[in-house]
Amino acid sequence: LQIAAKHHISMSTLRRLVRQSSGYPLHDYIHRLKMSEAKHLLINTPLRVKEIAGMLHYHDTFYFSRLFKKYMGISPQKCRHNV
């Protein structure tokens, strides 16, 4: 990741630091951040789910929707309509 290079640390050090501070593995932490941003965008913008997925670098909308439901407990469409 660019984060490790930017801070002149190894990927293993980055993984360890993220797990220590968040309690989650690095990939899980990144997904959680992205899903939180997706929720914000679903609630506060008229962007389509496909557009939000692309903005967050998920090129498969079905995969994005499955991850969103895993982390947020509801589908992206229900999240938008439950506001």
N, C-alpha and C. Protein backbone atom coordinates (compact mmCIF):
# COMPACT_ATOMS: atom_id res chain seq x y z
N LEU A 1 0.82 -1.20 0.00
CA LEU A 1 0.00 0.00 0.00
C LEU A 1 0.86 1.26 0.00
N GLN A 2 0.30 2.29 -0.56
CA GLN A 2 1.00 3.56 -0.61
C GLN A 2 1.18 4.15 0.79
N ILE A 3 0.29 3.80 1.70
CA ILE A 3 0.37 4.33 3.07
C ILE A 3 1.68 3.90 3.72
N ALA A 4 2.03 2.63 3.57
CA ALA A 4 3.27 2.12 4.16
C ALA A 4 4.48 2.84 3.56
N ALA A 5 4.51 2.98 2.25
CA ALA A 5 5.64 3.65 1.60
C ALA A 5 5.73 5.11 2.02
N LYS A 6 4.59 5.77 2.11
CA LYS A 6 4.57 7.19 2.48
C LYS A 6 5.16 7.41 3.87
N HIS A 7 4.92 6.47 4.75
CA HIS A 7 5.40 6.61 6.13
C HIS A 7 6.68 5.82 6.40
N HIS A 8 7.26 5.28 5.32
CA HIS A 8 8.54 4.56 5.40
C HIS A 8 8.49 3.40 6.38
N ILE A 9 7.41 2.63 6.30
CA ILE A 9 7.29 1.43 7.13
C ILE A 9 6.94 0.25 6.22
N SER A 10 7.19 -0.94 6.70
CA SER A 10 6.88 -2.13 5.92
C SER A 10 5.38 -2.43 6.00
N MET A 11 4.92 -3.25 5.07
CA MET A 11 3.51 -3.65 5.08
C MET A 11 3.19 -4.43 6.35
N SER A 12 4.12 -5.25 6.81
CA SER A 12 3.85 -6.03 8.03
C SER A 12 3.72 -5.10 9.23
N THR A 13 4.52 -4.04 9.26
CA THR A 13 4.40 -3.06 10.36
C THR A 13 3.06 -2.33 10.27
N LEU A 14 2.67 -1.95 9.06
CA LEU A 14 1.38 -1.28 8.87
C LEU A 14 0.24 -2.18 9.33
N ARG A 15 0.29 -3.45 8.93
CA ARG A 15 -0.77 -4.38 9.34
C ARG A 15 -0.84 -4.49 10.86
N ARG A 16 0.32 -4.59 11.49
CA ARG A 16 0.36 -4.72 12.95
C ARG A 16 -0.19 -3.47 13.63
N LEU A 17 0.21 -2.30 13.15
CA LEU A 17 -0.25 -1.04 13.75
C LEU A 17 -1.76 -0.86 13.60
N VAL A 18 -2.29 -1.21 12.42
CA VAL A 18 -3.73 -1.08 12.20
C VAL A 18 -4.48 -2.03 13.12
N ARG A 19 -4.01 -3.26 13.23
CA ARG A 19 -4.68 -4.22 14.10
C ARG A 19 -4.63 -3.77 15.57
N GLN A 20 -3.49 -3.24 15.99
CA GLN A 20 -3.36 -2.77 17.37
C GLN A 20 -4.30 -1.61 17.66
N SER A 21 -4.44 -0.70 16.71
CA SER A 21 -5.25 0.49 16.98
C SER A 21 -6.74 0.27 16.74
N SER A 22 -7.09 -0.60 15.77
CA SER A 22 -8.51 -0.76 15.44
C SER A 22 -9.10 -2.09 15.92
N GLY A 23 -8.23 -3.07 16.09
CA GLY A 23 -8.72 -4.40 16.45
C GLY A 23 -9.09 -5.24 15.24
N TYR A 24 -8.89 -4.69 14.03
CA TYR A 24 -9.25 -5.38 12.80
C TYR A 24 -8.01 -5.58 11.92
N PRO A 25 -8.02 -6.66 11.14
CA PRO A 25 -6.97 -6.81 10.13
C PRO A 25 -7.06 -5.66 9.12
N LEU A 26 -5.96 -5.35 8.47
CA LEU A 26 -5.89 -4.21 7.56
C LEU A 26 -6.99 -4.24 6.49
N HIS A 27 -7.17 -5.37 5.81
CA HIS A 27 -8.18 -5.43 4.75
C HIS A 27 -9.58 -5.19 5.29
N ASP A 28 -9.85 -5.70 6.48
CA ASP A 28 -11.17 -5.52 7.10
C ASP A 28 -11.36 -4.05 7.49
N TYR A 29 -10.33 -3.44 8.03
CA TYR A 29 -10.38 -2.03 8.41
C TYR A 29 -10.67 -1.15 7.20
N ILE A 30 -10.00 -1.45 6.08
CA ILE A 30 -10.21 -0.68 4.85
C ILE A 30 -11.64 -0.84 4.35
N HIS A 31 -12.15 -2.07 4.34
CA HIS A 31 -13.55 -2.29 3.93
C HIS A 31 -14.51 -1.52 4.83
N ARG A 32 -14.27 -1.53 6.13
CA ARG A 32 -15.14 -0.81 7.06
C ARG A 32 -15.15 0.69 6.78
N LEU A 33 -13.98 1.25 6.51
CA LEU A 33 -13.91 2.68 6.18
C LEU A 33 -14.69 2.98 4.90
N LYS A 34 -14.50 2.13 3.89
CA LYS A 34 -15.18 2.35 2.62
C LYS A 34 -16.69 2.19 2.76
N MET A 35 -17.14 1.23 3.55
CA MET A 35 -18.58 1.03 3.71
C MET A 35 -19.20 2.18 4.50
N SER A 36 -18.46 2.73 5.43
CA SER A 36 -18.94 3.90 6.16
C SER A 36 -19.11 5.09 5.21
N GLU A 37 -18.14 5.27 4.32
CA GLU A 37 -18.24 6.34 3.32
C GLU A 37 -19.40 6.07 2.37
N ALA A 38 -19.57 4.81 1.97
CA ALA A 38 -20.67 4.45 1.08
C ALA A 38 -22.01 4.78 1.73
N LYS A 39 -22.15 4.47 3.00
CA LYS A 39 -23.40 4.76 3.71
C LYS A 39 -23.67 6.26 3.70
N HIS A 40 -22.64 7.03 3.97
CA HIS A 40 -22.77 8.49 3.95
C HIS A 40 -23.24 8.97 2.57
N LEU A 41 -22.62 8.43 1.52
CA LEU A 41 -22.98 8.83 0.16
C LEU A 41 -24.39 8.39 -0.21
N LEU A 42 -24.79 7.21 0.22
CA LEU A 42 -26.15 6.74 -0.07
C LEU A 42 -27.20 7.63 0.58
N ILE A 43 -26.92 8.06 1.78
CA ILE A 43 -27.88 8.86 2.53
C ILE A 43 -27.91 10.32 2.07
N ASN A 44 -26.75 10.83 1.66
CA ASN A 44 -26.64 12.27 1.42
C ASN A 44 -26.48 12.70 -0.03
N THR A 45 -26.47 11.75 -0.96
CA THR A 45 -26.34 12.12 -2.37
C THR A 45 -27.34 11.33 -3.21
N PRO A 46 -27.60 11.79 -4.42
CA PRO A 46 -28.47 11.02 -5.32
C PRO A 46 -27.68 10.02 -6.18
N LEU A 47 -26.40 9.83 -5.90
CA LEU A 47 -25.57 8.92 -6.70
C LEU A 47 -26.14 7.51 -6.67
N ARG A 48 -26.05 6.83 -7.81
CA ARG A 48 -26.50 5.45 -7.90
C ARG A 48 -25.51 4.54 -7.18
N VAL A 49 -25.97 3.37 -6.78
CA VAL A 49 -25.12 2.40 -6.09
C VAL A 49 -23.90 2.08 -6.94
N LYS A 50 -24.10 1.90 -8.22
CA LYS A 50 -22.99 1.59 -9.13
C LYS A 50 -21.95 2.71 -9.12
N GLU A 51 -22.39 3.94 -9.09
CA GLU A 51 -21.47 5.08 -9.07
C GLU A 51 -20.68 5.12 -7.76
N ILE A 52 -21.36 4.88 -6.66
CA ILE A 52 -20.69 4.88 -5.36
C ILE A 52 -19.67 3.75 -5.29
N ALA A 53 -20.06 2.58 -5.76
CA ALA A 53 -19.13 1.44 -5.78
C ALA A 53 -17.88 1.80 -6.56
N GLY A 54 -18.05 2.39 -7.73
CA GLY A 54 -16.91 2.78 -8.55
C GLY A 54 -16.03 3.82 -7.88
N MET A 55 -16.65 4.79 -7.23
CA MET A 55 -15.89 5.82 -6.52
C MET A 55 -15.00 5.22 -5.44
N LEU A 56 -15.45 4.13 -4.84
CA LEU A 56 -14.72 3.48 -3.76
C LEU A 56 -13.87 2.31 -4.27
N HIS A 57 -13.70 2.25 -5.59
CA HIS A 57 -12.83 1.27 -6.25
C HIS A 57 -13.34 -0.17 -6.15
N TYR A 58 -14.64 -0.33 -6.13
CA TYR A 58 -15.27 -1.64 -6.26
C TYR A 58 -15.89 -1.65 -7.66
N HIS A 59 -15.32 -2.43 -8.55
CA HIS A 59 -15.78 -2.42 -9.94
C HIS A 59 -16.88 -3.44 -10.20
N ASP A 60 -17.16 -4.26 -9.20
CA ASP A 60 -18.25 -5.24 -9.30
C ASP A 60 -19.34 -4.80 -8.31
N THR A 61 -20.44 -4.30 -8.84
CA THR A 61 -21.50 -3.77 -7.99
C THR A 61 -22.11 -4.84 -7.09
N PHE A 62 -22.21 -6.06 -7.60
CA PHE A 62 -22.75 -7.16 -6.80
C PHE A 62 -21.85 -7.43 -5.59
N TYR A 63 -20.54 -7.46 -5.82
CA TYR A 63 -19.58 -7.68 -4.73
C TYR A 63 -19.68 -6.53 -3.71
N PHE A 64 -19.75 -5.30 -4.21
CA PHE A 64 -19.89 -4.14 -3.33
C PHE A 64 -21.15 -4.27 -2.47
N SER A 65 -22.26 -4.64 -3.09
CA SER A 65 -23.52 -4.77 -2.35
C SER A 65 -23.44 -5.85 -1.27
N ARG A 66 -22.78 -6.96 -1.60
CA ARG A 66 -22.61 -8.04 -0.60
C ARG A 66 -21.77 -7.55 0.57
N LEU A 67 -20.67 -6.84 0.28
CA LEU A 67 -19.84 -6.31 1.36
C LEU A 67 -20.61 -5.29 2.19
N PHE A 68 -21.36 -4.42 1.53
CA PHE A 68 -22.13 -3.42 2.25
C PHE A 68 -23.09 -4.09 3.23
N LYS A 69 -23.78 -5.09 2.75
CA LYS A 69 -24.72 -5.80 3.63
C LYS A 69 -23.99 -6.49 4.78
N LYS A 70 -22.83 -7.06 4.50
CA LYS A 70 -22.03 -7.73 5.54
C LYS A 70 -21.65 -6.74 6.64
N TYR A 71 -21.19 -5.56 6.26
CA TYR A 71 -20.68 -4.60 7.24
C TYR A 71 -21.77 -3.71 7.84
N MET A 72 -22.80 -3.41 7.08
CA MET A 72 -23.83 -2.48 7.55
C MET A 72 -25.12 -3.16 7.98
N GLY A 73 -25.28 -4.43 7.65
CA GLY A 73 -26.45 -5.17 8.09
C GLY A 73 -27.68 -5.03 7.21
N ILE A 74 -27.62 -4.15 6.22
CA ILE A 74 -28.72 -3.99 5.26
C ILE A 74 -28.13 -3.73 3.88
N SER A 75 -28.94 -3.91 2.87
CA SER A 75 -28.46 -3.68 1.50
C SER A 75 -28.31 -2.18 1.26
N PRO A 76 -27.52 -1.81 0.27
CA PRO A 76 -27.39 -0.38 -0.06
C PRO A 76 -28.74 0.26 -0.40
N GLN A 77 -29.59 -0.47 -1.13
CA GLN A 77 -30.89 0.08 -1.50
C GLN A 77 -31.76 0.33 -0.27
N LYS A 78 -31.77 -0.60 0.67
CA LYS A 78 -32.56 -0.40 1.89
C LYS A 78 -32.00 0.73 2.72
N CYS A 79 -30.68 0.85 2.75
CA CYS A 79 -30.04 1.95 3.49
C CYS A 79 -30.54 3.29 2.95
N ARG A 80 -30.57 3.41 1.65
CA ARG A 80 -31.01 4.67 1.03
C ARG A 80 -32.50 4.94 1.31
N HIS A 81 -33.32 3.91 1.25
CA HIS A 81 -34.77 4.10 1.41
C HIS A 81 -35.22 4.18 2.87
N ASN A 82 -34.38 3.78 3.80
CA ASN A 82 -34.74 3.83 5.22
C ASN A 82 -34.45 5.18 5.87
N VAL A 83 -33.98 6.12 5.11
CA VAL A 83 -33.63 7.43 5.66
C VAL A 83 -34.86 8.25 5.90
